[in-house]
């Protein structure tokens, strides 16, 4: 009996030791590698356009009332007994209706304070730079501040689907080194977009012999 008891004791000891070693090996296994950090959802877009407030040359002749854009009855500075602007009502169709609600009191505007935005968007400041889209909207002069204009604009991009666009609203201060305007939505891939854009006025050479022309450099930061 004593021999059997000793054998059982040895067997139990071996089994316990083996189990402990297996557990130790399990605990020393290297942990799985951490997942890669998520890619940043932030992106930025850069484009150039003419600065019409500095007397720049329009990219092309404006097409009246295209895509329900604002209809301007008289040029900037031209007196007229009629209202200076005739914008579509909020909630109507077209690009402009998306930012019209942000303009609180158009009836109070004086004649000659509206400047139309209808400009090509370019990849660089040169006229020959690749075309990237089209901007349409208006500047509205801020009373008592000749260097500030409310800017309401839709930028439609040519590198994607036809409905890819961003909407901007804010105060452009031409005498500041940089202005900041808000991104208030978009369409297509930019549907529901938000963020902001910096607007900088720069000097750009239109030709090797001609004078420098003012351009706007817009850098858009989407979140």
Foldseek 3Di string as FASTA:
>chain_A
DVVVVVVVVVVVVVVVVVVVVVVVVVVPDDDDDDDDDDDDPKDKDKWKKADVLVVDDAPDPDDACPQQAKHAPDAAPDDDPDQGTDHDDAPDGGDANVCVVVDPCSVPADHRQKDWAWIWIFPDDEPPGDTFWIKTDIWGADPPQRQKTWTWMKTATDPDDRQWIWIWTDIDGQPDQKDKIWTCAGDDVGGPWTFIKIWGWDWDDHDPPDGTGIMIMIMTMTD
